[in-house]
């Protein structure tokens, strides 16, 4: 490739990425709920006519690695030849490329003058704080997908569908506002892609998109070629499924052969009764994220990442769950353990590059009820940070979201303004990172006082065993969930629980630290 061609591709990389970033900015600034506008629990991407990713913003890894499957599901359900400008589609079904029901994906075809079929697609996915189901926040300890809320296969998103979604949830005004924000973000993507086509012409834009994808694939093949050939196996476990099944195995065998790598998860446990099941889209997404981490800084993130990668799963397993499995926590918790086992396998081949395990949990908390201040239902959802895993040459960061989550926290001021809650304590959990030549990052302590009776659901992991260390480094401290009664006495809570709590009680989450690296 000539120097001028490389420069032109780099220019288009920035142009495509900036469109996805601008879509995210519009979504965040237009959103109604704190979950999206404060925590930024959303993702945006551009796709070619075959639903292959062209560019994605640096949003949520677990969203974006699986989003192409949702776009493909829309294309399968609504023939491109029958689509028209102005069409908008929606899907959240985990068995159609989704992740879990609160993650609602909206998709729009992009038409250009003189072409009667979509030439691109734009999509975004946002976590809605409630879509119905057994408990507020739609993250229940259910045993069936229908326990978790409204499930939508690929559907046309019109005013009637918006109202259908709003009627199914506890917070309809919030849902309506967030869906409108998602639609506004789609329009940004459509307008900017049309601007590119007007400026450069459709053949040029398509060519540059294909070249970007091919470039990324070439780089990834080179990255894989630097991994010693061989077979590397690693197994880790989920604590439990909330319904009595414990030590749920997640097993990975990585086979490196030249410029190709195969990740086989067939040895993982069968799908379980509780909501820890991950659909295949999540497993592919976790592998996508891990491989992207091995690539160089600045590598375009698109479908080329996975071209030299094969992912094998066993239908009916906890990492390829089949209908009607409950999956609410598969997206947020099992995805983290998938990353741990992929990196655990690769650490055997690349001992000087792979970091120890990070927190390993998104520490999911939902709180809901009827706000006594307004008489309106509310649903609060939060993922809480933990410690990062230490690496060969660095001490790890404390109090950060790691791996498959990339959200911010909800600021204390926003929590206390929007919900009948008071944050009594929020601090780094000192000493929770694993010891080592390089120490693992510390988790956090976050304590909520409940100002009225509420229903609380916890979906948390790494409560029975801490995140592993590497090369002699020690494991990070496991997390702890505690209920503090009004008299100050404390009661440990399970990692997964739904419970009615009273005004004046406090809920304290102490999140896991990251693993250490190297012998202390």
Protein backbone atom coordinates (compact mmCIF):
# COMPACT_ATOMS: atom_id res chain seq x y z
CA UNK A 1 0.00 0.00 0.00
CA UNK A 2 1.41 3.42 -0.96
CA UNK A 3 1.99 6.11 1.60
CA UNK A 4 -0.76 8.31 0.19
CA UNK A 5 -3.26 5.42 0.26
CA UNK A 6 -2.36 4.71 3.90
CA UNK A 7 -2.92 8.36 4.77
CA UNK A 8 -6.30 8.34 3.05
CA UNK A 9 -7.35 5.22 4.96
CA UNK A 10 -6.26 6.86 8.22
CA UNK A 11 -8.33 9.91 7.36
CA UNK A 12 -11.38 7.74 6.79
CA UNK A 13 -10.74 5.87 10.02
CA UNK A 14 -11.06 9.15 11.88
CA UNK A 15 -14.08 10.20 9.84
CA UNK A 16 -15.99 6.98 10.52
CA UNK A 17 -15.02 6.91 14.21
CA UNK A 18 -16.01 10.54 14.68
CA UNK A 19 -19.51 9.76 13.37
CA UNK A 20 -19.95 7.01 15.98
CA UNK A 21 -18.63 9.32 18.70
CA UNK A 22 -20.99 12.11 17.65
CA UNK A 23 -23.90 9.67 17.74
CA UNK A 24 -22.94 8.83 21.31
CA UNK A 25 -22.72 12.49 22.27
CA UNK A 26 -26.21 13.13 20.90
CA UNK A 27 -27.59 10.12 22.75
CA UNK A 28 -25.99 11.08 26.04
CA UNK A 29 -27.03 14.74 25.86
CA UNK A 30 -30.60 13.90 24.78
CA UNK A 31 -31.28 11.06 27.21
CA UNK A 32 -33.82 11.29 29.99
CA UNK A 33 -32.55 8.74 32.51
CA UNK A 34 -29.49 9.06 34.77
CA UNK A 35 -28.55 5.57 33.62
CA UNK A 36 -27.78 6.86 30.13
CA UNK A 37 -26.96 10.53 30.56
CA UNK A 38 -24.81 10.07 33.69
CA UNK A 39 -23.49 6.50 33.58
CA UNK A 40 -23.36 6.54 29.75
CA UNK A 41 -24.55 2.97 29.47
CA UNK A 42 -24.89 3.01 25.70
CA UNK A 43 -22.97 2.24 22.50
CA UNK A 44 -23.04 3.42 18.87
CA UNK A 45 -21.66 1.94 15.66
CA UNK A 46 -21.72 2.03 11.86
CA UNK A 47 -22.21 -1.04 9.65
CA UNK A 48 -21.89 -1.83 5.97
CA UNK A 49 -24.67 -3.34 3.88
CA UNK A 50 -23.75 -6.86 5.09
CA UNK A 51 -23.99 -5.84 8.79
CA UNK A 52 -20.20 -5.94 9.22
CA UNK A 53 -18.90 -3.26 11.55
CA UNK A 54 -17.16 -0.30 9.94
CA UNK A 55 -16.51 1.70 13.09
CA UNK A 56 -17.62 1.88 16.67
CA UNK A 57 -17.10 4.41 19.40
CA UNK A 58 -15.20 3.51 22.56
CA UNK A 59 -18.35 2.72 24.47
CA UNK A 60 -19.41 -0.60 26.07
CA UNK A 61 -17.46 -3.69 24.90
CA UNK A 62 -20.22 -6.18 25.70
CA UNK A 63 -22.65 -4.14 23.59
CA UNK A 64 -20.56 -3.58 20.53
CA UNK A 65 -19.12 -7.02 19.99
CA UNK A 66 -22.64 -8.40 19.81
CA UNK A 67 -24.39 -5.52 18.03
CA UNK A 68 -23.65 -6.87 14.50
CA UNK A 69 -25.83 -9.88 15.31
CA UNK A 70 -28.75 -7.58 16.14
CA UNK A 71 -28.29 -5.68 12.88
CA UNK A 72 -28.12 -8.97 10.99
CA UNK A 73 -31.33 -10.10 12.71
CA UNK A 74 -33.08 -6.95 11.51
CA UNK A 75 -31.83 -7.52 7.96
CA UNK A 76 -33.07 -11.12 8.07
CA UNK A 77 -36.49 -10.08 9.34
CA UNK A 78 -36.99 -7.09 7.05
CA UNK A 79 -35.58 -7.59 3.57
CA UNK A 80 -33.32 -4.69 2.56
CA UNK A 81 -35.17 -4.48 -0.77
CA UNK A 82 -38.35 -3.69 1.18
CA UNK A 83 -36.80 -1.09 3.49
CA UNK A 84 -37.42 2.59 2.95
CA UNK A 85 -35.79 5.80 4.07
CA UNK A 86 -37.22 6.70 7.46
CA UNK A 87 -37.60 3.10 8.62
CA UNK A 88 -36.46 2.45 12.17
CA UNK A 89 -36.20 -0.95 13.83
CA UNK A 90 -35.86 -2.20 17.39
CA UNK A 91 -34.72 -5.47 18.98
CA UNK A 92 -33.73 -6.60 22.47
CA UNK A 93 -34.24 -10.37 22.22
CA UNK A 94 -31.08 -12.10 23.51
CA UNK A 95 -31.83 -15.00 21.18
CA UNK A 96 -31.69 -12.63 18.18
CA UNK A 97 -28.30 -11.06 18.77
CA UNK A 98 -29.20 -9.12 21.92
CA UNK A 99 -27.54 -9.39 25.31
CA UNK A 100 -30.24 -9.01 27.95
CA UNK A 101 -33.67 -7.38 27.82
CA UNK A 102 -32.80 -3.94 29.28
CA UNK A 103 -30.35 -3.42 26.40
CA UNK A 104 -32.56 -2.07 23.61
CA UNK A 105 -30.97 -1.79 20.18
CA UNK A 106 -32.35 0.57 17.55
CA UNK A 107 -31.27 0.24 13.92
CA UNK A 108 -31.74 2.45 10.86
CA UNK A 109 -30.93 1.79 7.20
CA UNK A 110 -28.98 4.50 5.41
CA UNK A 111 -30.06 5.33 1.86
CA UNK A 112 -28.29 7.55 -0.64
CA UNK A 113 -29.65 9.20 -3.75
CA UNK A 114 -29.95 6.88 -6.72
CA UNK A 115 -29.74 3.61 -4.75
CA UNK A 116 -32.95 1.77 -3.80
CA UNK A 117 -31.40 -0.42 -1.08
CA UNK A 118 -29.62 0.51 2.15
CA UNK A 119 -25.92 1.13 1.63
CA UNK A 120 -25.10 1.33 5.35
CA UNK A 121 -26.78 0.80 8.70
CA UNK A 122 -26.41 2.77 11.91
CA UNK A 123 -27.31 1.38 15.30
CA UNK A 124 -27.10 2.15 18.97
CA UNK A 125 -27.78 0.12 22.06
CA UNK A 126 -28.75 1.59 25.42
CA UNK A 127 -29.43 0.01 28.78
CA UNK A 128 -32.92 1.05 29.89
CA UNK A 129 -33.38 1.14 33.64
CA UNK A 130 -36.61 -0.86 33.41
CA UNK A 131 -38.42 -2.91 30.76
CA UNK A 132 -40.87 -4.71 33.05
CA UNK A 133 -40.35 -8.15 34.56
CA UNK A 134 -40.52 -9.48 38.09
CA UNK A 135 -38.53 -6.74 39.80
CA UNK A 136 -37.80 -3.07 39.27
CA UNK A 137 -34.79 -2.66 37.03
CA UNK A 138 -35.58 -5.82 35.03
CA UNK A 139 -32.63 -7.74 36.47
CA UNK A 140 -34.48 -10.34 38.56
CA UNK A 141 -33.39 -13.69 39.92
CA UNK A 142 -35.79 -15.34 37.52
CA UNK A 143 -35.65 -18.74 35.86
CA UNK A 144 -37.27 -17.89 32.51
CA UNK A 145 -36.57 -15.16 29.96
CA UNK A 146 -40.13 -13.86 30.35
CA UNK A 147 -39.42 -13.14 34.03
CA UNK A 148 -37.06 -10.40 32.89
CA UNK A 149 -39.42 -8.10 31.02
CA UNK A 150 -40.59 -7.22 27.54
CA UNK A 151 -38.83 -9.24 24.83
CA UNK A 152 -38.84 -7.89 21.28
CA UNK A 153 -37.65 -9.74 18.24
CA UNK A 154 -36.76 -7.51 15.28
CA UNK A 155 -39.68 -5.07 15.04
CA UNK A 156 -40.53 -1.83 13.32
CA UNK A 157 -40.07 1.08 15.73
CA UNK A 158 -42.97 3.45 15.22
CA UNK A 159 -45.10 5.46 17.62
CA UNK A 160 -47.25 2.43 18.41
CA UNK A 161 -44.21 0.32 19.28
CA UNK A 162 -42.81 3.08 21.50
CA UNK A 163 -46.06 3.05 23.43
CA UNK A 164 -46.00 -0.76 23.64
CA UNK A 165 -42.57 -0.56 25.25
CA UNK A 166 -43.66 2.20 27.61
CA UNK A 167 -46.76 0.33 28.75
CA UNK A 168 -44.67 -2.72 29.64
CA UNK A 169 -42.34 -0.90 32.01
CA UNK A 170 -42.62 0.84 35.36
CA UNK A 171 -41.22 4.18 34.20
CA UNK A 172 -42.90 5.02 30.88
CA UNK A 173 -41.89 8.68 30.66
CA UNK A 174 -38.25 7.74 31.15
CA UNK A 175 -38.45 5.04 28.50
CA UNK A 176 -40.12 7.36 26.03
CA UNK A 177 -37.45 10.00 26.53
CA UNK A 178 -34.58 7.54 26.17
CA UNK A 179 -36.02 5.97 23.03
CA UNK A 180 -36.35 9.42 21.46
CA UNK A 181 -32.72 10.06 22.33
CA UNK A 182 -31.73 6.84 20.60
CA UNK A 183 -33.66 7.88 17.50
CA UNK A 184 -31.96 11.28 17.55
CA UNK A 185 -28.57 9.56 17.65
CA UNK A 186 -29.48 7.44 14.63
CA UNK A 187 -30.30 10.58 12.66
CA UNK A 188 -26.86 11.97 13.38
CA UNK A 189 -25.28 8.84 11.91
CA UNK A 190 -27.52 8.94 8.83
CA UNK A 191 -26.80 12.62 8.17
CA UNK A 192 -23.04 12.29 8.59
CA UNK A 193 -22.76 9.23 6.36
CA UNK A 194 -24.77 11.03 3.68
CA UNK A 195 -22.39 13.96 4.02
CA UNK A 196 -19.45 11.61 3.41
CA UNK A 197 -21.10 10.15 0.32
CA UNK A 198 -21.90 13.62 -1.04
CA UNK A 199 -18.28 14.67 -0.50
CA UNK A 200 -16.41 11.59 -1.74
CA UNK A 201 -18.94 9.48 -3.63
CA UNK A 202 -20.40 6.12 -2.61
CA UNK A 203 -17.76 3.94 -4.34
CA UNK A 204 -14.95 5.76 -2.51
CA UNK A 205 -16.64 5.51 0.89
CA UNK A 206 -17.39 1.81 0.40
CA UNK A 207 -13.84 1.14 -0.74
CA UNK A 208 -12.33 2.89 2.26
CA UNK A 209 -14.65 1.02 4.64
CA UNK A 210 -13.58 -2.31 3.11
CA UNK A 211 -9.92 -1.31 3.25
CA UNK A 212 -10.24 -0.44 6.93
CA UNK A 213 -11.77 -3.83 7.68
CA UNK A 214 -9.07 -5.61 5.67
CA UNK A 215 -6.32 -3.60 7.37
CA UNK A 216 -7.59 -4.52 10.82
CA UNK A 217 -7.74 -8.20 9.83
CA UNK A 218 -4.13 -8.08 8.57
CA UNK A 219 -2.93 -6.54 11.81
CA UNK A 220 -4.82 -9.10 13.88
CA UNK A 221 -3.28 -11.96 11.88
CA UNK A 222 0.12 -10.46 12.63
CA UNK A 223 -0.77 -10.22 16.33
CA UNK A 224 -1.83 -13.88 16.37
CA UNK A 225 1.34 -14.90 14.51
CA UNK A 226 3.37 -13.49 17.44
CA UNK A 227 1.61 -15.86 19.87
CA UNK A 228 3.47 -19.18 20.13
CA UNK A 229 1.55 -21.97 18.44
CA UNK A 230 -0.05 -24.38 20.86
CA UNK A 231 -3.07 -25.39 22.89
CA UNK A 232 -3.77 -23.40 26.05
CA UNK A 233 -6.57 -24.35 28.44
CA UNK A 234 -8.00 -22.47 31.41
CA UNK A 235 -11.10 -22.85 33.58
CA UNK A 236 -12.63 -20.48 36.09
CA UNK A 237 -15.97 -20.52 37.86
CA UNK A 238 -18.99 -18.38 38.56
CA UNK A 239 -19.96 -18.33 42.23
CA UNK A 240 -23.56 -19.50 41.78
CA UNK A 241 -26.77 -18.89 39.87
CA UNK A 242 -28.87 -17.65 42.78
CA UNK A 243 -30.91 -20.87 42.74
CA UNK A 244 -28.58 -23.36 44.39
CA UNK A 245 -26.14 -24.25 41.60
CA UNK A 246 -22.60 -23.35 42.65
CA UNK A 247 -19.15 -23.28 41.05
CA UNK A 248 -20.38 -22.99 37.48
CA UNK A 249 -17.46 -23.82 35.20
CA UNK A 250 -16.46 -21.56 32.32
CA UNK A 251 -13.81 -23.40 30.32
CA UNK A 252 -11.75 -22.16 27.40
CA UNK A 253 -9.26 -23.95 25.15
CA UNK A 254 -7.31 -21.55 22.93
CA UNK A 255 -5.59 -23.18 19.97
CA UNK A 256 -3.11 -20.97 18.12
CA UNK A 257 -2.07 -22.10 14.66
CA UNK A 258 -0.04 -19.62 12.66
CA UNK A 259 -2.24 -16.61 11.95
CA UNK A 260 -5.45 -18.19 13.22
CA UNK A 261 -6.76 -18.74 16.75
CA UNK A 262 -9.65 -20.89 17.88
CA UNK A 263 -11.41 -20.43 21.23
CA UNK A 264 -13.43 -23.47 22.26
CA UNK A 265 -15.84 -23.09 25.19
CA UNK A 266 -17.54 -26.48 24.73
CA UNK A 267 -16.33 -27.71 28.13
CA UNK A 268 -18.32 -25.06 29.99
CA UNK A 269 -21.20 -26.05 32.27
CA UNK A 270 -24.73 -26.57 31.03
CA UNK A 271 -27.07 -23.59 31.20
CA UNK A 272 -28.45 -23.09 34.69
CA UNK A 273 -31.80 -22.27 36.24
CA UNK A 274 -30.81 -18.76 37.35
CA UNK A 275 -30.01 -15.71 35.22
CA UNK A 276 -26.26 -16.35 34.80
CA UNK A 277 -26.68 -17.77 31.29
CA UNK A 278 -24.94 -15.97 28.44
CA UNK A 279 -26.14 -16.21 24.86
CA UNK A 280 -23.56 -16.85 22.15
CA UNK A 281 -23.51 -13.16 21.18
CA UNK A 282 -21.99 -12.35 24.58
CA UNK A 283 -19.32 -15.04 24.24
CA UNK A 284 -18.32 -13.74 20.81
CA UNK A 285 -18.32 -10.22 22.22
CA UNK A 286 -15.96 -11.20 25.06
CA UNK A 287 -13.52 -12.83 22.63
CA UNK A 288 -13.73 -9.79 20.37
CA UNK A 289 -12.81 -7.56 23.31
CA UNK A 290 -9.86 -9.74 24.38
CA UNK A 291 -8.43 -9.87 20.88
CA UNK A 292 -8.80 -6.13 20.48
CA UNK A 293 -6.83 -5.68 23.71
CA UNK A 294 -3.91 -7.59 22.14
CA UNK A 295 -3.86 -5.28 19.12
CA UNK A 296 -1.85 -2.07 18.91
CA UNK A 297 -3.14 1.24 20.19
CA UNK A 298 -5.06 3.05 17.48
CA UNK A 299 -6.07 -0.08 15.60
CA UNK A 300 -9.44 0.55 13.89
CA UNK A 301 -12.14 -1.41 15.70
CA UNK A 302 -14.32 -3.12 13.13
CA UNK A 303 -15.29 -6.55 11.80
CA UNK A 304 -11.68 -7.24 10.84
CA UNK A 305 -10.83 -7.99 14.47
CA UNK A 306 -12.64 -11.32 14.29
CA UNK A 307 -11.78 -12.44 10.75
CA UNK A 308 -8.85 -14.64 11.88
CA UNK A 309 -10.66 -15.81 15.02
CA UNK A 310 -12.98 -18.79 15.48
CA UNK A 311 -15.33 -19.11 18.46
CA UNK A 312 -16.77 -22.53 19.29
CA UNK A 313 -19.64 -22.88 21.75
CA UNK A 314 -21.95 -25.71 22.72
CA UNK A 315 -25.66 -24.87 22.39
CA UNK A 316 -27.36 -25.37 25.73
CA UNK A 317 -24.28 -24.44 27.72
CA UNK A 318 -23.99 -21.47 30.07
CA UNK A 319 -22.08 -19.59 27.35
CA UNK A 320 -24.52 -20.44 24.53
CA UNK A 321 -27.84 -20.47 26.32
CA UNK A 322 -31.00 -21.47 24.50
CA UNK A 323 -34.57 -20.27 24.93
CA UNK A 324 -36.17 -19.96 27.47
CA UNK A 325 -33.10 -19.49 29.68
CA UNK A 326 -32.93 -16.56 32.06
CA UNK A 327 -30.05 -14.35 30.92
CA UNK A 328 -30.19 -11.04 32.82
CA UNK A 329 -26.80 -11.57 34.48
CA UNK A 330 -25.13 -13.38 31.61
CA UNK A 331 -24.51 -10.04 29.95
CA UNK A 332 -23.06 -8.33 33.01
CA UNK A 333 -21.43 -11.12 35.05
CA UNK A 334 -20.74 -14.16 32.87
CA UNK A 335 -19.22 -11.86 30.26
CA UNK A 336 -16.61 -10.83 32.82
CA UNK A 337 -15.72 -14.43 33.62
CA UNK A 338 -15.43 -15.17 29.91
CA UNK A 339 -12.76 -12.49 29.70
CA UNK A 340 -11.00 -14.01 32.70
CA UNK A 341 -10.80 -17.45 31.10
CA UNK A 342 -9.69 -16.14 27.70
CA UNK A 343 -6.91 -14.13 29.29
CA UNK A 344 -6.11 -17.00 31.65
CA UNK A 345 -5.52 -19.23 28.64
CA UNK A 346 -3.52 -16.62 26.72
CA UNK A 347 -1.37 -15.87 29.78
CA UNK A 348 0.22 -19.30 29.34
CA UNK A 349 1.38 -18.29 25.88
CA UNK A 350 2.14 -14.63 26.68
CA UNK A 351 3.24 -14.55 30.33
CA UNK A 352 4.87 -11.15 29.94
CA UNK A 353 1.85 -9.45 28.35
CA UNK A 354 -1.34 -10.61 30.05
CA UNK A 355 -2.58 -8.95 33.24
CA UNK A 356 -3.99 -10.68 36.31
CA UNK A 357 -7.77 -10.90 36.67
CA UNK A 358 -9.66 -7.70 37.35
CA UNK A 359 -12.67 -7.29 39.64
CA UNK A 360 -14.66 -9.85 37.65
CA UNK A 361 -18.08 -8.40 38.47
CA UNK A 362 -20.12 -5.40 37.46
CA UNK A 363 -21.59 -5.48 40.99
CA UNK A 364 -25.12 -4.88 39.75
CA UNK A 365 -27.58 -3.12 42.01
CA UNK A 366 -31.21 -2.29 41.27
CA UNK A 367 -33.49 -0.44 43.67
CA UNK A 368 -37.15 0.23 42.94
CA UNK A 369 -40.48 1.20 44.37
CA UNK A 370 -42.88 4.12 44.34
CA UNK A 371 -41.15 7.38 45.18
CA UNK A 372 -43.05 8.83 48.14
CA UNK A 373 -41.98 12.34 47.12
CA UNK A 374 -43.77 12.17 43.77
CA UNK A 375 -46.08 9.18 43.92
CA UNK A 376 -44.39 7.86 40.77
CA UNK A 377 -42.61 4.50 40.32
CA UNK A 378 -38.83 4.60 40.04
CA UNK A 379 -36.10 2.13 39.06
CA UNK A 380 -32.46 2.82 39.86
CA UNK A 381 -29.73 0.72 38.28
CA UNK A 382 -26.02 0.95 38.99
CA UNK A 383 -22.89 -1.00 38.19
CA UNK A 384 -20.18 -0.39 40.75
CA UNK A 385 -16.47 -0.29 40.04
CA UNK A 386 -13.76 -2.57 41.42
CA UNK A 387 -10.02 -3.11 41.16
CA UNK A 388 -8.10 -3.75 37.95
CA UNK A 389 -5.66 -6.62 37.60
CA UNK A 390 -1.95 -5.84 37.82
CA UNK A 391 0.32 -6.33 34.83
CA UNK A 392 3.97 -7.26 34.33
CA UNK A 393 5.10 -3.64 34.45
CA UNK A 394 2.44 -1.70 36.27
CA UNK A 395 0.50 -1.50 39.50
CA UNK A 396 -3.18 -1.63 38.68
CA UNK A 397 -5.76 1.13 38.91
CA UNK A 398 -8.18 1.22 41.82
CA UNK A 399 -11.90 1.95 41.71
CA UNK A 400 -12.46 1.58 37.96
CA UNK A 401 -14.86 -0.22 35.68
CA UNK A 402 -12.97 -2.92 33.82
CA UNK A 403 -13.24 -5.17 30.76
CA UNK A 404 -16.78 -5.67 29.49
CA UNK A 405 -18.17 -2.59 31.20
CA UNK A 406 -17.01 0.91 30.38
CA UNK A 407 -19.58 3.03 32.19
CA UNK A 408 -19.14 5.87 34.62
CA UNK A 409 -20.68 5.87 38.07
CA UNK A 410 -23.83 7.81 38.76
CA UNK A 411 -22.67 10.90 40.67
CA UNK A 412 -23.85 11.05 44.26
CA UNK A 413 -25.65 14.32 43.58
CA UNK A 414 -27.60 12.74 40.70
CA UNK A 415 -28.55 9.71 42.79
CA UNK A 416 -29.84 11.79 45.67
CA UNK A 417 -31.70 14.18 43.38
CA UNK A 418 -33.46 11.54 41.31
CA UNK A 419 -34.17 8.80 43.86
CA UNK A 420 -35.22 8.41 47.52
CA UNK A 421 -31.69 7.35 48.44
CA UNK A 422 -28.75 8.84 50.27
CA UNK A 423 -25.16 7.77 49.59
CA UNK A 424 -23.62 7.64 53.05
CA UNK A 425 -20.18 6.42 52.14
CA UNK A 426 -18.19 6.11 48.91
CA UNK A 427 -14.49 5.32 49.09
CA UNK A 428 -11.66 3.16 47.84
CA UNK A 429 -11.59 -0.21 49.60
CA UNK A 430 -8.01 0.00 50.78
CA UNK A 431 -5.98 -3.21 50.81
CA UNK A 432 -8.38 -5.23 48.66
CA UNK A 433 -6.00 -5.52 45.70
CA UNK A 434 -3.95 -8.71 45.52
CA UNK A 435 -0.32 -8.50 46.68
CA UNK A 436 2.46 -9.03 44.18
CA UNK A 437 5.52 -7.51 42.63
CA UNK A 438 2.86 -5.35 41.02
CA UNK A 439 -0.16 -4.93 43.26
CA UNK A 440 -3.74 -5.36 42.08
CA UNK A 441 -6.07 -2.37 42.18
CA UNK A 442 -8.37 -1.80 45.13
CA UNK A 443 -12.15 -2.05 44.90
CA UNK A 444 -14.63 0.43 46.33
CA UNK A 445 -17.05 0.70 49.23
CA UNK A 446 -20.41 2.29 48.39
CA UNK A 447 -23.13 2.56 51.04
CA UNK A 448 -26.73 3.58 50.36
CA UNK A 449 -29.22 4.67 53.00
CA UNK A 450 -32.80 3.89 52.03
CA UNK A 451 -35.11 6.81 52.73
CA UNK A 452 -38.29 4.77 52.26
CA UNK A 453 -39.27 1.10 51.82
CA UNK A 454 -37.83 -0.29 48.58
CA UNK A 455 -37.13 -3.52 46.75
CA UNK A 456 -33.46 -4.28 46.18
CA UNK A 457 -31.88 -6.81 43.81
CA UNK A 458 -28.19 -7.68 43.81
CA UNK A 459 -26.48 -9.58 41.00
CA UNK A 460 -22.83 -9.77 42.00
CA UNK A 461 -19.90 -12.15 41.52
CA UNK A 462 -16.45 -12.87 42.96
CA UNK A 463 -18.00 -13.14 46.43
CA UNK A 464 -16.60 -16.62 47.17
CA UNK A 465 -13.21 -16.46 45.43
CA UNK A 466 -11.21 -13.40 44.53
CA UNK A 467 -9.88 -12.51 41.06
CA UNK A 468 -6.80 -14.62 40.30
CA UNK A 469 -3.25 -13.34 40.39
CA UNK A 470 -0.59 -14.33 37.85
CA UNK A 471 3.05 -15.41 38.04
CA UNK A 472 2.95 -15.75 41.81
CA UNK A 473 0.74 -12.74 42.46
CA UNK A 474 -2.02 -13.15 45.01
CA UNK A 475 -5.75 -13.04 44.34
CA UNK A 476 -7.70 -9.88 45.00
CA UNK A 477 -10.06 -9.81 47.97
CA UNK A 478 -13.53 -11.20 47.26
CA UNK A 479 -16.43 -8.77 47.40
CA UNK A 480 -18.90 -8.46 50.25
CA UNK A 481 -22.53 -7.34 50.38
CA UNK A 482 -23.87 -6.21 53.75
CA UNK A 483 -27.16 -5.00 55.14
CA UNK A 484 -26.76 -2.48 57.98
CA UNK A 485 -29.80 -2.32 60.25
CA UNK A 486 -31.01 0.86 61.88
CA UNK A 487 -29.33 -0.14 65.18
CA UNK A 488 -25.98 -0.50 63.42
CA UNK A 489 -25.88 -4.30 63.40
CA UNK A 490 -24.75 -5.93 60.15
CA UNK A 491 -25.99 -8.90 58.18
CA UNK A 492 -24.11 -10.46 55.24
CA UNK A 493 -26.14 -10.71 52.05
CA UNK A 494 -25.66 -13.31 49.30
CA UNK A 495 -24.12 -12.37 46.01
CA UNK A 496 -27.54 -12.69 44.38
CA UNK A 497 -30.64 -11.70 46.26
CA UNK A 498 -33.93 -9.83 46.02
CA UNK A 499 -35.21 -8.37 49.27
CA UNK A 500 -37.65 -5.76 50.59
CA UNK A 501 -35.84 -3.27 52.81
CA UNK A 502 -37.15 -0.63 55.18
CA UNK A 503 -36.53 3.07 55.51
CA UNK A 504 -33.37 3.78 57.49
CA UNK A 505 -31.62 0.54 56.58
CA UNK A 506 -28.38 0.76 54.65
CA UNK A 507 -26.97 -1.37 51.88
CA UNK A 508 -23.18 -1.53 51.64
CA UNK A 509 -21.28 -3.07 48.72
CA UNK A 510 -17.57 -3.78 49.10
CA UNK A 511 -16.33 -4.71 45.63
CA UNK A 512 -13.47 -7.09 44.77
CA UNK A 513 -9.91 -5.94 44.24
CA UNK A 514 -7.84 -7.01 41.24
CA UNK A 515 -5.28 -9.79 41.23
CA UNK A 516 -1.60 -9.12 41.79
CA UNK A 517 1.21 -9.91 39.34
CA UNK A 518 4.50 -11.57 40.28
CA UNK A 519 5.61 -12.97 43.61
CA UNK A 520 5.36 -10.37 46.40
